[in-house]
Structure formats: C-alpha cells, structure tokens
Amino acid sequence: MPSPDRFSAAQPHEIAGRVADVIVGLGEVYLREGVHIWLTSRHRLLDNRVPLDVIREPGGLERVEALVEQLQTGAFV
C-alpha cells in the first residue's frame, strides 16, 4: 500500500501516467464532455468533493482510480 506521502516519492511520469489512465477509463464510459464534467463535479462517493481536487491529496488518486474502475465494470456508483 502506498504511503500517505506517495506523491513526494513517486516519479512525476508515474503520476501523470496514472492520471492519464483515469481519463482513458472515463472515456470508456463517457463522451469527452462527460469526462470533463465527471472530473470537475462533486461526487457523493468522494464525500461530495471534486475528483480533480481529491486526486491531489494523499491517497486520493487511489480513491479516484477505484471509483473509475467501478464505473467501468458497471457497478452502481
């Protein structure tokens, strides 16, 4: 499990690649405009926070990745 200060230890290209994977994953579920809306709107499963804000927090990228995976598999989110 990544440490809470994962961003300070991770390579920037690793983080960028994972964020890109989130965007690609959303693109499998939504049209381009929908991806933008999803990333910039509050989400109840993120404590009514905006995914792009959550991604910047320790452990936030993992939370958003898990939520996108649920969307891709058709889980009710």
Protein backbone atom coordinates (compact mmCIF):
# COMPACT_ATOMS: atom_id res chain seq x y z
CA MET A 1 0.00 0.00 0.00
CA PRO A 2 1.42 3.40 -0.94
CA SER A 3 2.49 5.71 1.84
CA PRO A 4 0.46 8.88 2.53
CA ASP A 5 3.28 10.99 1.08
CA ARG A 6 3.31 8.93 -2.10
CA PHE A 7 3.41 11.97 -4.37
CA SER A 8 6.68 13.18 -2.88
CA ALA A 9 8.29 9.78 -3.53
CA ALA A 10 6.64 8.94 -6.87
CA GLN A 11 8.12 9.91 -10.19
CA PRO A 12 6.13 12.63 -11.98
CA HIS A 13 5.75 10.48 -15.10
CA GLU A 14 4.25 7.68 -12.97
CA ILE A 15 1.63 10.03 -11.52
CA ALA A 16 0.90 11.56 -14.92
CA GLY A 17 0.51 8.10 -16.42
CA ARG A 18 -1.96 7.06 -13.73
CA VAL A 19 -3.99 10.25 -14.14
CA ALA A 20 -4.00 9.64 -17.91
CA ASP A 21 -5.29 6.12 -17.24
CA VAL A 22 -8.13 7.63 -15.18
CA ILE A 23 -9.05 9.87 -18.11
CA VAL A 24 -8.88 6.98 -20.58
CA GLY A 25 -11.00 4.86 -18.25
CA LEU A 26 -13.62 7.59 -18.01
CA GLY A 27 -13.53 7.85 -21.80
CA GLU A 28 -14.66 4.23 -21.97
CA VAL A 29 -17.81 5.21 -20.07
CA TYR A 30 -18.50 8.82 -21.08
CA LEU A 31 -18.16 11.05 -24.10
CA ARG A 32 -15.46 13.73 -23.96
CA GLU A 33 -17.75 16.34 -22.40
CA GLY A 34 -18.90 13.78 -19.83
CA VAL A 35 -15.31 13.06 -18.81
CA HIS A 36 -14.75 16.76 -18.17
CA ILE A 37 -17.99 17.05 -16.21
CA TRP A 38 -17.17 13.97 -14.12
CA LEU A 39 -13.68 15.23 -13.25
CA THR A 40 -14.86 18.72 -12.30
CA SER A 41 -18.13 17.99 -10.49
CA ARG A 42 -18.75 16.97 -6.89
CA HIS A 43 -19.24 13.24 -6.40
CA ARG A 44 -21.13 11.72 -3.48
CA LEU A 45 -18.74 8.77 -3.20
CA LEU A 46 -15.87 11.21 -2.78
CA ASP A 47 -17.59 12.94 0.14
CA ASN A 48 -19.10 15.49 -2.27
CA ARG A 49 -15.64 16.52 -3.39
CA VAL A 50 -14.40 17.17 -6.92
CA PRO A 51 -12.32 14.26 -8.33
CA LEU A 52 -9.57 16.58 -9.62
CA ASP A 53 -9.21 18.00 -6.10
CA VAL A 54 -9.23 14.55 -4.49
CA ILE A 55 -6.51 13.31 -6.87
CA ARG A 56 -4.12 15.92 -5.44
CA GLU A 57 -4.49 14.61 -1.87
CA PRO A 58 -2.54 11.77 -0.28
CA GLY A 59 -4.37 8.58 -1.21
CA GLY A 60 -6.76 10.50 -3.43
CA LEU A 61 -5.54 9.15 -6.74
CA GLU A 62 -6.22 5.62 -5.48
CA ARG A 63 -9.77 6.61 -4.44
CA VAL A 64 -10.50 8.08 -7.86
CA GLU A 65 -8.93 5.10 -9.66
CA ALA A 66 -11.14 2.72 -7.66
CA LEU A 67 -14.24 4.73 -8.47
CA VAL A 68 -13.43 4.80 -12.19
CA GLU A 69 -12.86 1.04 -12.11
CA GLN A 70 -16.31 0.62 -10.57
CA LEU A 71 -17.79 2.73 -13.35
CA GLN A 72 -16.03 0.62 -15.99
CA THR A 73 -17.31 -2.64 -14.54
CA GLY A 74 -20.86 -1.38 -14.30
CA ALA A 75 -21.01 -1.26 -10.52
CA PHE A 76 -23.63 1.07 -9.14
CA VAL A 77 -21.88 4.29 -8.25
